[in-house]
Amino acid sequence: MWEYRKLLHDEESAHFAALLEKTSTDNRNTATEPAVVPRKTKNRSEMMEFGDGHARIIGVHVLNSKGDECSNFYPGEQLRIKVRCQVLSNARNLNVAIRLRNKEGIKVYSWGTLNQDISSYFSGSAREIFWERDFRSGEEVSVDFTCDCPLGMNLYEVQACLSFEATPDYLQQRILHWIDEAAFFNVFMRKESYFFGGICDLRMSASVS
């Protein structure tokens, strides 16, 4: 298992390095906006999908504030990840989630509809509980994950997950469909106007006494 994980990590690192070099070269050769990150190849994607097949992810899109597909962002800009799913049999207690990894393979963040549901349960919010929603066979649903980008300069991979959660606490989970390398995006930095180092922006302030 350790040897397999090491080989997989080495392959992913080489793949990320190639993507970064491609987009960095395009960025240097372009006077305006950086080039779009190339999409993954079909064969590589097929090797990185799994699940029991009772539902499937049919699309993952990275969008900007205008709703246009976008692969390049700067800190503070709106980042939206749309995950489109189709249920293949009557279902309930579903969770749609994403995970972000940087090119070094570090998990930067994960979040799903169940995370929001857990927060709603705790706070007594009147927000609709996705986990309690009933789906019919063939029904499609789209989930938008939105934030103002707090990430540092890097290349990021989006992993997408559709799971069945027997209880609303991630303790009894069954993966219906998981996709590695579902999408990629870059975060760049405008160093002349706003700059920070590291994985994410903690929005610190400095006071002098």
N, C-alpha and C. Protein backbone atom coordinates (compact mmCIF):
# COMPACT_ATOMS: atom_id res chain seq x y z
N MET A 1 0.83 -1.21 0.00
CA MET A 1 0.00 0.00 0.00
C MET A 1 0.87 1.26 0.00
N TRP A 2 1.95 1.24 0.83
CA TRP A 2 2.80 2.43 0.89
C TRP A 2 3.46 2.69 -0.46
N GLU A 3 3.95 1.58 -1.12
CA GLU A 3 4.59 1.76 -2.41
C GLU A 3 3.60 2.32 -3.43
N TYR A 4 2.35 1.82 -3.40
CA TYR A 4 1.33 2.31 -4.33
C TYR A 4 1.05 3.79 -4.11
N ARG A 5 0.90 4.19 -2.84
CA ARG A 5 0.61 5.59 -2.53
C ARG A 5 1.77 6.48 -2.97
N LYS A 6 3.01 5.99 -2.80
CA LYS A 6 4.17 6.78 -3.22
C LYS A 6 4.18 6.95 -4.74
N LEU A 7 3.92 5.86 -5.48
CA LEU A 7 3.88 5.95 -6.94
C LEU A 7 2.79 6.91 -7.40
N LEU A 8 1.60 6.82 -6.75
CA LEU A 8 0.50 7.70 -7.11
C LEU A 8 0.87 9.15 -6.84
N HIS A 9 1.51 9.38 -5.68
CA HIS A 9 1.92 10.75 -5.34
C HIS A 9 2.92 11.28 -6.36
N ASP A 10 3.90 10.43 -6.75
CA ASP A 10 4.90 10.86 -7.72
C ASP A 10 4.25 11.20 -9.06
N GLU A 11 3.27 10.36 -9.47
CA GLU A 11 2.58 10.61 -10.74
C GLU A 11 1.80 11.91 -10.68
N GLU A 12 1.08 12.12 -9.56
CA GLU A 12 0.29 13.34 -9.42
C GLU A 12 1.19 14.56 -9.40
N SER A 13 2.33 14.47 -8.69
CA SER A 13 3.24 15.61 -8.61
C SER A 13 3.76 15.98 -10.00
N ALA A 14 4.10 14.96 -10.79
CA ALA A 14 4.57 15.23 -12.15
C ALA A 14 3.47 15.85 -13.00
N HIS A 15 2.24 15.36 -12.82
CA HIS A 15 1.11 15.89 -13.58
C HIS A 15 0.85 17.36 -13.22
N PHE A 16 0.86 17.66 -11.91
CA PHE A 16 0.65 19.04 -11.47
C PHE A 16 1.78 19.94 -11.98
N ALA A 17 3.01 19.45 -11.94
CA ALA A 17 4.14 20.25 -12.41
C ALA A 17 4.00 20.58 -13.89
N ALA A 18 3.54 19.60 -14.67
CA ALA A 18 3.35 19.85 -16.10
C ALA A 18 2.25 20.87 -16.35
N LEU A 19 1.17 20.78 -15.58
CA LEU A 19 0.09 21.75 -15.72
C LEU A 19 0.55 23.15 -15.34
N LEU A 20 1.29 23.23 -14.24
CA LEU A 20 1.77 24.53 -13.77
C LEU A 20 2.71 25.16 -14.79
N GLU A 21 3.61 24.35 -15.35
CA GLU A 21 4.56 24.86 -16.34
C GLU A 21 3.82 25.36 -17.57
N LYS A 22 2.81 24.61 -18.00
CA LYS A 22 2.02 25.00 -19.18
C LYS A 22 1.32 26.32 -18.94
N THR A 23 0.64 26.46 -17.80
CA THR A 23 -0.12 27.68 -17.55
C THR A 23 0.81 28.85 -17.25
N SER A 24 1.95 28.59 -16.59
CA SER A 24 2.89 29.66 -16.32
C SER A 24 3.49 30.19 -17.61
N THR A 25 3.82 29.29 -18.54
CA THR A 25 4.36 29.71 -19.84
C THR A 25 3.35 30.52 -20.61
N ASP A 26 2.10 30.04 -20.63
CA ASP A 26 1.05 30.78 -21.32
C ASP A 26 0.85 32.15 -20.69
N ASN A 27 0.96 32.21 -19.36
CA ASN A 27 0.77 33.48 -18.66
C ASN A 27 1.87 34.47 -19.02
N ARG A 28 3.11 33.98 -19.14
CA ARG A 28 4.22 34.87 -19.49
C ARG A 28 4.09 35.38 -20.92
N ASN A 29 3.49 34.57 -21.79
CA ASN A 29 3.38 34.93 -23.20
C ASN A 29 2.11 35.68 -23.54
N THR A 30 1.28 35.96 -22.55
CA THR A 30 0.01 36.63 -22.79
C THR A 30 0.03 37.98 -22.10
N ALA A 31 -0.32 39.03 -22.84
CA ALA A 31 -0.23 40.39 -22.29
C ALA A 31 -1.40 40.72 -21.39
N THR A 32 -2.51 40.01 -21.53
CA THR A 32 -3.69 40.33 -20.73
C THR A 32 -3.94 39.26 -19.69
N GLU A 33 -4.99 38.44 -19.89
CA GLU A 33 -5.34 37.43 -18.91
C GLU A 33 -4.58 36.13 -19.17
N PRO A 34 -4.23 35.37 -18.10
CA PRO A 34 -3.55 34.09 -18.29
C PRO A 34 -4.43 33.11 -19.04
N ALA A 35 -3.80 32.12 -19.65
CA ALA A 35 -4.54 31.14 -20.45
C ALA A 35 -5.32 30.20 -19.55
N VAL A 36 -6.35 29.59 -20.11
CA VAL A 36 -7.17 28.63 -19.39
C VAL A 36 -6.37 27.36 -19.17
N VAL A 37 -6.50 26.76 -17.98
CA VAL A 37 -5.82 25.51 -17.69
C VAL A 37 -6.39 24.41 -18.57
N PRO A 38 -5.57 23.60 -19.23
CA PRO A 38 -6.11 22.53 -20.07
C PRO A 38 -6.87 21.51 -19.24
N ARG A 39 -7.96 20.97 -19.80
CA ARG A 39 -8.77 19.99 -19.10
C ARG A 39 -8.04 18.66 -19.06
N LYS A 40 -8.40 17.84 -18.10
CA LYS A 40 -7.81 16.52 -17.96
C LYS A 40 -8.16 15.64 -19.15
N THR A 41 -7.32 14.65 -19.40
CA THR A 41 -7.63 13.71 -20.46
C THR A 41 -8.64 12.70 -19.97
N LYS A 42 -9.39 12.13 -20.91
CA LYS A 42 -10.46 11.21 -20.56
C LYS A 42 -9.92 9.98 -19.84
N ASN A 43 -8.82 9.40 -20.34
CA ASN A 43 -8.31 8.18 -19.76
C ASN A 43 -7.86 8.38 -18.32
N ARG A 44 -7.19 9.50 -18.05
CA ARG A 44 -6.73 9.76 -16.69
C ARG A 44 -7.92 9.94 -15.77
N SER A 45 -8.97 10.62 -16.23
CA SER A 45 -10.16 10.83 -15.43
C SER A 45 -10.81 9.51 -15.07
N GLU A 46 -10.90 8.60 -16.04
CA GLU A 46 -11.55 7.33 -15.79
C GLU A 46 -10.82 6.53 -14.72
N MET A 47 -9.50 6.69 -14.63
CA MET A 47 -8.73 5.98 -13.62
C MET A 47 -8.95 6.56 -12.23
N MET A 48 -9.53 7.73 -12.14
CA MET A 48 -9.65 8.42 -10.86
C MET A 48 -11.09 8.62 -10.44
N GLU A 49 -11.98 7.76 -10.90
CA GLU A 49 -13.38 7.78 -10.49
C GLU A 49 -13.74 6.47 -9.82
N PHE A 50 -14.59 6.55 -8.80
CA PHE A 50 -15.09 5.33 -8.19
C PHE A 50 -16.42 5.62 -7.50
N GLY A 51 -17.11 4.59 -7.06
CA GLY A 51 -18.39 4.72 -6.39
C GLY A 51 -19.29 3.55 -6.74
N ASP A 52 -20.40 3.41 -6.01
CA ASP A 52 -21.25 2.24 -6.22
C ASP A 52 -22.25 2.42 -7.36
N GLY A 53 -22.32 3.62 -7.96
CA GLY A 53 -23.07 3.81 -9.18
C GLY A 53 -24.54 4.11 -9.04
N HIS A 54 -25.05 4.31 -7.81
CA HIS A 54 -26.47 4.61 -7.65
C HIS A 54 -26.80 6.06 -8.00
N ALA A 55 -25.78 6.88 -8.15
CA ALA A 55 -25.92 8.27 -8.58
C ALA A 55 -24.59 8.68 -9.18
N ARG A 56 -24.59 9.77 -9.94
CA ARG A 56 -23.35 10.14 -10.61
C ARG A 56 -23.21 11.65 -10.70
N ILE A 57 -21.97 12.08 -10.76
CA ILE A 57 -21.64 13.48 -11.01
C ILE A 57 -21.51 13.64 -12.52
N ILE A 58 -22.26 14.56 -13.09
CA ILE A 58 -22.27 14.70 -14.55
C ILE A 58 -21.56 15.97 -15.02
N GLY A 59 -21.10 16.79 -14.09
CA GLY A 59 -20.36 17.99 -14.50
C GLY A 59 -19.82 18.76 -13.31
N VAL A 60 -18.61 19.27 -13.45
CA VAL A 60 -18.01 20.14 -12.43
C VAL A 60 -17.44 21.35 -13.17
N HIS A 61 -17.86 22.55 -12.78
CA HIS A 61 -17.47 23.76 -13.49
C HIS A 61 -16.98 24.80 -12.49
N VAL A 62 -15.87 25.45 -12.82
CA VAL A 62 -15.35 26.56 -12.02
C VAL A 62 -15.77 27.85 -12.70
N LEU A 63 -16.49 28.71 -11.97
CA LEU A 63 -17.09 29.91 -12.55
C LEU A 63 -16.62 31.16 -11.82
N ASN A 64 -16.67 32.29 -12.52
CA ASN A 64 -16.37 33.58 -11.88
C ASN A 64 -17.66 34.27 -11.45
N SER A 65 -17.55 35.51 -11.04
CA SER A 65 -18.71 36.24 -10.51
C SER A 65 -19.78 36.49 -11.56
N LYS A 66 -19.41 36.43 -12.84
CA LYS A 66 -20.38 36.63 -13.92
C LYS A 66 -21.05 35.33 -14.35
N GLY A 67 -20.63 34.22 -13.75
CA GLY A 67 -21.18 32.93 -14.13
C GLY A 67 -20.50 32.31 -15.32
N ASP A 68 -19.37 32.89 -15.75
CA ASP A 68 -18.61 32.35 -16.88
C ASP A 68 -17.57 31.36 -16.37
N GLU A 69 -17.30 30.32 -17.17
CA GLU A 69 -16.25 29.38 -16.79
C GLU A 69 -14.92 30.11 -16.76
N CYS A 70 -14.15 29.85 -15.73
CA CYS A 70 -12.91 30.58 -15.51
C CYS A 70 -11.90 29.67 -14.82
N SER A 71 -10.64 29.80 -15.19
CA SER A 71 -9.59 28.99 -14.58
C SER A 71 -8.56 29.83 -13.83
N ASN A 72 -8.71 31.14 -13.83
CA ASN A 72 -7.72 32.01 -13.23
C ASN A 72 -8.38 33.04 -12.32
N PHE A 73 -7.90 33.11 -11.09
CA PHE A 73 -8.49 33.99 -10.09
C PHE A 73 -7.40 34.73 -9.33
N TYR A 74 -7.83 35.82 -8.68
CA TYR A 74 -6.99 36.57 -7.77
C TYR A 74 -7.67 36.60 -6.41
N PRO A 75 -6.90 36.70 -5.31
CA PRO A 75 -7.52 36.73 -3.98
C PRO A 75 -8.59 37.81 -3.88
N GLY A 76 -9.71 37.46 -3.28
CA GLY A 76 -10.82 38.38 -3.10
C GLY A 76 -11.87 38.29 -4.18
N GLU A 77 -11.54 37.70 -5.33
CA GLU A 77 -12.53 37.54 -6.39
C GLU A 77 -13.48 36.39 -6.05
N GLN A 78 -14.72 36.52 -6.53
CA GLN A 78 -15.69 35.46 -6.25
C GLN A 78 -15.32 34.20 -7.03
N LEU A 79 -15.31 33.10 -6.31
CA LEU A 79 -15.02 31.79 -6.88
C LEU A 79 -16.25 30.91 -6.66
N ARG A 80 -16.75 30.32 -7.75
CA ARG A 80 -17.93 29.46 -7.64
C ARG A 80 -17.65 28.13 -8.33
N ILE A 81 -17.90 27.06 -7.61
CA ILE A 81 -17.73 25.71 -8.16
C ILE A 81 -19.10 25.06 -8.23
N LYS A 82 -19.53 24.76 -9.44
CA LYS A 82 -20.84 24.14 -9.67
C LYS A 82 -20.67 22.65 -9.89
N VAL A 83 -21.39 21.85 -9.10
CA VAL A 83 -21.37 20.40 -9.24
C VAL A 83 -22.76 19.94 -9.66
N ARG A 84 -22.83 19.30 -10.82
CA ARG A 84 -24.10 18.81 -11.35
C ARG A 84 -24.16 17.29 -11.18
N CYS A 85 -25.28 16.81 -10.65
CA CYS A 85 -25.43 15.39 -10.33
C CYS A 85 -26.73 14.84 -10.88
N GLN A 86 -26.76 13.54 -11.08
CA GLN A 86 -27.98 12.84 -11.47
C GLN A 86 -28.15 11.62 -10.58
N VAL A 87 -29.36 11.48 -10.03
CA VAL A 87 -29.70 10.34 -9.19
C VAL A 87 -30.26 9.24 -10.07
N LEU A 88 -29.75 8.02 -9.93
CA LEU A 88 -30.13 6.92 -10.82
C LEU A 88 -31.16 5.99 -10.20
N SER A 89 -31.49 6.19 -8.94
CA SER A 89 -32.57 5.46 -8.28
C SER A 89 -33.11 6.35 -7.17
N ASN A 90 -34.34 6.10 -6.72
CA ASN A 90 -34.92 6.93 -5.67
C ASN A 90 -33.96 7.00 -4.48
N ALA A 91 -33.76 8.20 -3.95
CA ALA A 91 -32.74 8.36 -2.92
C ALA A 91 -33.10 9.48 -1.95
N ARG A 92 -32.47 9.44 -0.81
CA ARG A 92 -32.60 10.43 0.25
C ARG A 92 -31.29 10.41 1.03
N ASN A 93 -31.08 11.42 1.85
CA ASN A 93 -29.87 11.49 2.70
C ASN A 93 -28.59 11.58 1.86
N LEU A 94 -28.63 12.46 0.86
CA LEU A 94 -27.47 12.64 -0.01
C LEU A 94 -26.61 13.81 0.45
N ASN A 95 -25.37 13.78 0.01
CA ASN A 95 -24.42 14.85 0.29
C ASN A 95 -23.58 15.09 -0.95
N VAL A 96 -23.52 16.34 -1.37
CA VAL A 96 -22.66 16.75 -2.49
C VAL A 96 -21.51 17.57 -1.90
N ALA A 97 -20.29 17.21 -2.22
CA ALA A 97 -19.15 17.86 -1.57
C ALA A 97 -18.01 18.06 -2.55
N ILE A 98 -17.11 18.96 -2.18
CA ILE A 98 -15.88 19.18 -2.94
C ILE A 98 -14.70 19.15 -1.99
N ARG A 99 -13.55 18.87 -2.55
CA ARG A 99 -12.29 18.97 -1.82
C ARG A 99 -11.28 19.66 -2.72
N LEU A 100 -10.52 20.59 -2.16
CA LEU A 100 -9.50 21.32 -2.91
C LEU A 100 -8.12 20.86 -2.46
N ARG A 101 -7.26 20.59 -3.43
CA ARG A 101 -5.86 20.26 -3.15
C ARG A 101 -4.96 21.16 -3.99
N ASN A 102 -3.83 21.54 -3.39
CA ASN A 102 -2.88 22.31 -4.18
C ASN A 102 -1.94 21.37 -4.93
N LYS A 103 -1.03 21.93 -5.71
CA LYS A 103 -0.19 21.09 -6.57
C LYS A 103 0.78 20.25 -5.77
N GLU A 104 1.00 20.61 -4.50
CA GLU A 104 1.84 19.78 -3.64
C GLU A 104 1.09 18.59 -3.07
N GLY A 105 -0.22 18.50 -3.38
CA GLY A 105 -1.03 17.38 -2.90
C GLY A 105 -1.65 17.60 -1.54
N ILE A 106 -1.52 18.81 -0.98
CA ILE A 106 -2.06 19.09 0.34
C ILE A 106 -3.55 19.40 0.24
N LYS A 107 -4.34 18.75 1.08
CA LYS A 107 -5.76 19.08 1.16
C LYS A 107 -5.89 20.45 1.80
N VAL A 108 -6.43 21.39 1.04
CA VAL A 108 -6.55 22.77 1.50
C VAL A 108 -7.90 23.01 2.17
N TYR A 109 -8.95 22.36 1.65
CA TYR A 109 -10.29 22.63 2.16
C TYR A 109 -11.25 21.57 1.65
N SER A 110 -12.25 21.26 2.46
CA SER A 110 -13.37 20.43 2.00
C SER A 110 -14.66 20.97 2.60
N TRP A 111 -15.73 20.82 1.84
CA TRP A 111 -17.03 21.35 2.27
C TRP A 111 -18.11 20.67 1.45
N GLY A 112 -19.25 20.42 2.09
CA GLY A 112 -20.35 19.80 1.37
C GLY A 112 -21.70 20.28 1.87
N THR A 113 -22.74 19.84 1.20
CA THR A 113 -24.09 20.21 1.64
C THR A 113 -24.35 19.71 3.05
N LEU A 114 -23.75 18.57 3.42
CA LEU A 114 -23.97 18.06 4.77
C LEU A 114 -23.33 18.97 5.81
N ASN A 115 -22.18 19.57 5.50
CA ASN A 115 -21.58 20.52 6.43
C ASN A 115 -22.54 21.67 6.71
N GLN A 116 -23.19 22.17 5.66
CA GLN A 116 -24.15 23.25 5.83
C GLN A 116 -25.37 22.78 6.61
N ASP A 117 -25.81 21.54 6.34
CA ASP A 117 -26.95 20.99 7.07
C ASP A 117 -26.65 20.85 8.55
N ILE A 118 -25.44 20.38 8.88
CA ILE A 118 -25.05 20.24 10.28
C ILE A 118 -25.11 21.59 10.98
N SER A 119 -24.59 22.63 10.32
CA SER A 119 -24.63 23.98 10.88
C SER A 119 -26.07 24.45 11.07
N SER A 120 -26.93 24.13 10.11
CA SER A 120 -28.34 24.55 10.20
C SER A 120 -29.05 23.84 11.34
N TYR A 121 -28.78 22.54 11.50
CA TYR A 121 -29.36 21.80 12.62
C TYR A 121 -28.95 22.44 13.95
N PHE A 122 -27.67 22.77 14.07
CA PHE A 122 -27.16 23.30 15.33
C PHE A 122 -27.73 24.67 15.64
N SER A 123 -27.85 25.52 14.63
CA SER A 123 -28.31 26.89 14.84
C SER A 123 -29.82 27.04 14.82
N GLY A 124 -30.53 25.99 14.38
CA GLY A 124 -31.98 26.10 14.26
C GLY A 124 -32.42 26.92 13.07
N SER A 125 -31.55 27.03 12.07
CA SER A 125 -31.86 27.83 10.88
C SER A 125 -33.05 27.25 10.13
N ALA A 126 -33.79 28.15 9.47
CA ALA A 126 -34.94 27.73 8.66
C ALA A 126 -34.51 27.33 7.25
N ARG A 127 -33.22 27.35 6.97
CA ARG A 127 -32.72 26.98 5.65
C ARG A 127 -33.10 25.53 5.32
N GLU A 128 -33.38 25.28 4.04
CA GLU A 128 -33.74 23.93 3.61
C GLU A 128 -32.60 22.95 3.91
N ILE A 129 -32.95 21.78 4.41
CA ILE A 129 -31.97 20.75 4.72
C ILE A 129 -31.83 19.82 3.51
N PHE A 130 -30.71 19.89 2.85
CA PHE A 130 -30.49 19.07 1.65
C PHE A 130 -30.54 17.59 1.99
N TRP A 131 -30.01 17.22 3.15
CA TRP A 131 -29.95 15.82 3.57
C TRP A 131 -31.33 15.19 3.67
N GLU A 132 -32.37 16.00 3.93
CA GLU A 132 -33.73 15.49 4.09
C GLU A 132 -34.51 15.47 2.77
N ARG A 133 -33.90 15.94 1.72
CA ARG A 133 -34.61 16.04 0.44
C ARG A 133 -34.74 14.66 -0.24
N ASP A 134 -35.92 14.40 -0.81
CA ASP A 134 -36.16 13.17 -1.55
C ASP A 134 -35.88 13.39 -3.04
N PHE A 135 -35.20 12.44 -3.65
CA PHE A 135 -34.90 12.49 -5.08
C PHE A 135 -35.50 11.28 -5.78
N ARG A 136 -36.00 11.51 -6.98
CA ARG A 136 -36.55 10.44 -7.80
C ARG A 136 -35.53 9.99 -8.84
N SER A 137 -35.64 8.75 -9.25
CA SER A 137 -34.73 8.21 -10.25
C SER A 137 -34.72 9.07 -11.51
N GLY A 138 -33.53 9.44 -11.96
CA GLY A 138 -33.37 10.28 -13.13
C GLY A 138 -33.32 11.76 -12.84
N GLU A 139 -33.63 12.17 -11.62
CA GLU A 139 -33.65 13.59 -11.26
C GLU A 139 -32.23 14.15 -11.24
N GLU A 140 -32.09 15.40 -11.69
CA GLU A 140 -30.81 16.08 -11.67
C GLU A 140 -30.84 17.24 -10.68
N VAL A 141 -29.69 17.53 -10.11
CA VAL A 141 -29.58 18.64 -9.17
C VAL A 141 -28.21 19.29 -9.34
N SER A 142 -28.17 20.61 -9.19
CA SER A 142 -26.91 21.36 -9.24
C SER A 142 -26.67 22.04 -7.90
N VAL A 143 -25.45 21.98 -7.44
CA VAL A 143 -25.06 22.63 -6.18
C VAL A 143 -23.93 23.60 -6.48
N ASP A 144 -24.08 24.85 -6.06
CA ASP A 144 -23.05 25.87 -6.23
C ASP A 144 -22.33 26.10 -4.90
N PHE A 145 -21.03 25.98 -4.91
CA PHE A 145 -20.20 26.30 -3.74
C PHE A 145 -19.51 27.62 -4.04
N THR A 146 -19.79 28.64 -3.24
CA THR A 146 -19.34 30.00 -3.55
C THR A 146 -18.56 30.61 -2.38
N CYS A 147 -17.50 31.31 -2.70
CA CYS A 147 -16.74 32.06 -1.69
C CYS A 147 -15.98 33.17 -2.39
N ASP A 148 -15.50 34.13 -1.60
CA ASP A 148 -14.53 35.10 -2.07
C ASP A 148 -13.16 34.46 -1.88
N CYS A 149 -12.44 34.26 -2.96
CA CYS A 149 -11.23 33.44 -2.95
C CYS A 149 -10.22 33.91 -1.90
N PRO A 150 -9.90 33.06 -0.91
CA PRO A 150 -8.91 33.41 0.11
C PRO A 150 -7.58 32.70 -0.10
N LEU A 151 -7.42 32.03 -1.23
CA LEU A 151 -6.29 31.13 -1.42
C LEU A 151 -5.04 31.87 -1.88
N GLY A 152 -3.89 31.29 -1.54
CA GLY A 152 -2.62 31.82 -1.98
C GLY A 152 -2.31 31.39 -3.40
N MET A 153 -1.26 31.97 -3.95
CA MET A 153 -0.88 31.72 -5.34
C MET A 153 -0.46 30.26 -5.52
N ASN A 154 -1.17 29.55 -6.42
CA ASN A 154 -0.89 28.14 -6.65
C ASN A 154 -1.81 27.61 -7.73
N LEU A 155 -1.62 26.34 -8.07
CA LEU A 155 -2.53 25.60 -8.93
C LEU A 155 -3.34 24.67 -8.05
N TYR A 156 -4.66 24.63 -8.25
CA TYR A 156 -5.54 23.86 -7.38
C TYR A 156 -6.35 22.84 -8.18
N GLU A 157 -6.52 21.68 -7.57
CA GLU A 157 -7.35 20.61 -8.11
C GLU A 157 -8.67 20.58 -7.35
N VAL A 158 -9.77 20.39 -8.08
CA VAL A 158 -11.08 20.20 -7.46
C VAL A 158 -11.42 18.71 -7.53
N GLN A 159 -11.69 18.12 -6.39
CA GLN A 159 -12.22 16.77 -6.31
C GLN A 159 -13.70 16.88 -5.94
N ALA A 160 -14.54 16.09 -6.58
CA ALA A 160 -15.98 16.16 -6.34
C ALA A 160 -16.49 14.83 -5.82
N CYS A 161 -17.47 14.90 -4.91
CA CYS A 161 -17.98 13.69 -4.27
C CYS A 161 -19.50 13.77 -4.14
N LEU A 162 -20.15 12.66 -4.42
CA LEU A 162 -21.58 12.48 -4.18
C LEU A 162 -21.71 11.24 -3.30
N SER A 163 -22.28 11.41 -2.11
CA SER A 163 -22.31 10.30 -1.16
C SER A 163 -23.68 10.15 -0.50
N PHE A 164 -23.93 8.95 -0.01
CA PHE A 164 -25.08 8.67 0.85
C PHE A 164 -24.60 8.73 2.29
N GLU A 165 -25.33 9.46 3.12
CA GLU A 165 -24.97 9.60 4.54
C GLU A 165 -26.13 9.07 5.38
N ALA A 166 -25.94 7.90 6.00
CA ALA A 166 -27.02 7.29 6.78
C ALA A 166 -27.42 8.16 7.96
N THR A 167 -26.45 8.89 8.51
CA THR A 167 -26.71 9.82 9.61
C THR A 167 -26.06 11.15 9.26
N PRO A 168 -26.61 12.27 9.77
CA PRO A 168 -26.09 13.59 9.38
C PRO A 168 -24.84 13.99 10.17
N ASP A 169 -23.80 13.16 10.09
CA ASP A 169 -22.59 13.43 10.86
C ASP A 169 -21.32 12.85 10.22
N TYR A 170 -21.41 12.38 9.00
CA TYR A 170 -20.28 11.80 8.28
C TYR A 170 -19.76 10.50 8.88
N LEU A 171 -20.51 9.87 9.79
CA LEU A 171 -20.03 8.66 10.45
C LEU A 171 -20.43 7.38 9.72
N GLN A 172 -21.45 7.45 8.87
CA GLN A 172 -21.89 6.27 8.13
C GLN A 172 -22.08 6.67 6.66
N GLN A 173 -20.98 6.67 5.97
CA GLN A 173 -20.95 7.21 4.60
C GLN A 173 -20.74 6.10 3.57
N ARG A 174 -21.42 6.25 2.44
CA ARG A 174 -21.20 5.37 1.30
C ARG A 174 -20.99 6.25 0.07
N ILE A 175 -19.89 6.07 -0.62
CA ILE A 175 -19.57 6.89 -1.78
C ILE A 175 -20.37 6.40 -2.99
N LEU A 176 -21.17 7.28 -3.56
CA LEU A 176 -21.92 6.96 -4.77
C LEU A 176 -21.10 7.28 -6.02
N HIS A 177 -20.38 8.40 -5.97
CA HIS A 177 -19.50 8.75 -7.09
C HIS A 177 -18.46 9.75 -6.59
N TRP A 178 -17.23 9.47 -6.88
CA TRP A 178 -16.11 10.36 -6.52
C TRP A 178 -15.27 10.58 -7.78
N ILE A 179 -14.89 11.83 -8.02
CA ILE A 179 -14.03 12.16 -9.16
C ILE A 179 -12.83 12.97 -8.69
N ASP A 180 -11.65 12.42 -8.88
CA ASP A 180 -10.42 13.21 -8.72
C ASP A 180 -10.20 14.03 -9.99
N GLU A 181 -9.51 15.15 -9.84
CA GLU A 181 -9.19 16.02 -10.98
C GLU A 181 -10.43 16.37 -11.79
N ALA A 182 -11.50 16.68 -11.07
CA ALA A 182 -12.75 17.06 -11.74
C ALA A 182 -12.61 18.41 -12.43
N ALA A 183 -11.74 19.26 -11.91
CA ALA A 183 -11.47 20.58 -12.51
C ALA A 183 -10.18 21.12 -11.90
N PHE A 184 -9.64 22.14 -12.54
CA PHE A 184 -8.44 22.82 -12.04
C PHE A 184 -8.65 24.33 -12.14
N PHE A 185 -7.97 25.07 -11.28
CA PHE A 185 -7.92 26.52 -11.43
C PHE A 185 -6.63 27.05 -10.81
N ASN A 186 -6.22 28.21 -11.28
CA ASN A 186 -5.05 28.92 -10.78
C ASN A 186 -5.46 30.07 -9.88
N VAL A 187 -4.63 30.38 -8.92
CA VAL A 187 -4.74 31.64 -8.19
C VAL A 187 -3.43 32.39 -8.39
N PHE A 188 -3.53 33.62 -8.88
CA PHE A 188 -2.38 34.49 -9.08
C PHE A 188 -2.42 35.63 -8.06
N MET A 189 -1.38 36.44 -8.04
CA MET A 189 -1.28 37.52 -7.06
C MET A 189 -0.92 38.82 -7.78
N ARG A 190 -1.64 39.88 -7.45
CA ARG A 190 -1.26 41.22 -7.91
C ARG A 190 -0.39 41.85 -6.82
N LYS A 191 0.90 41.61 -6.90
CA LYS A 191 1.79 41.99 -5.81
C LYS A 191 1.89 43.49 -5.61
N GLU A 192 1.59 44.26 -6.65
CA GLU A 192 1.70 45.71 -6.51
C GLU A 192 0.55 46.31 -5.72
N SER A 193 -0.55 45.56 -5.54
CA SER A 193 -1.71 46.13 -4.86
C SER A 193 -2.12 45.37 -3.60
N TYR A 194 -1.91 44.05 -3.57
CA TYR A 194 -2.26 43.26 -2.39
C TYR A 194 -1.47 41.97 -2.43
N PHE A 195 -0.79 41.67 -1.33
CA PHE A 195 0.09 40.50 -1.33
C PHE A 195 0.08 39.83 0.04
N PHE A 196 0.08 38.51 0.03
CA PHE A 196 0.30 37.73 1.25
C PHE A 196 1.00 36.44 0.84
N GLY A 197 1.61 35.78 1.80
CA GLY A 197 2.27 34.52 1.54
C GLY A 197 1.55 33.37 2.22
N GLY A 198 1.78 32.18 1.71
CA GLY A 198 1.20 30.99 2.34
C GLY A 198 0.03 30.42 1.58
N ILE A 199 -0.66 29.48 2.23
CA ILE A 199 -1.76 28.75 1.60
C ILE A 199 -3.02 29.58 1.49
N CYS A 200 -3.31 30.37 2.53
CA CYS A 200 -4.56 31.14 2.51
C CYS A 200 -4.37 32.47 3.22
N ASP A 201 -5.31 33.36 2.96
CA ASP A 201 -5.27 34.72 3.51
C ASP A 201 -6.06 34.76 4.81
N LEU A 202 -5.38 35.03 5.92
CA LEU A 202 -6.04 35.14 7.22
C LEU A 202 -6.58 36.54 7.48
N ARG A 203 -6.40 37.43 6.52
CA ARG A 203 -6.92 38.81 6.61
C ARG A 203 -6.45 39.50 7.89
N MET A 204 -5.19 39.35 8.21
CA MET A 204 -4.65 39.97 9.41
C MET A 204 -4.51 41.48 9.22
N SER A 205 -4.43 42.17 10.35
CA SER A 205 -4.12 43.60 10.34
C SER A 205 -2.99 43.85 11.33
N ALA A 206 -2.26 44.91 11.11
CA ALA A 206 -1.13 45.24 11.99
C ALA A 206 -1.43 46.54 12.72
N SER A 207 -1.25 46.53 14.03
CA SER A 207 -1.40 47.75 14.84
C SER A 207 -0.08 48.03 15.55
N VAL A 208 0.28 49.27 15.58
CA VAL A 208 1.56 49.66 16.15
C VAL A 208 1.33 50.43 17.44
N SER A 209 2.10 50.09 18.47
CA SER A 209 1.97 50.81 19.75
C SER A 209 3.35 51.17 20.28
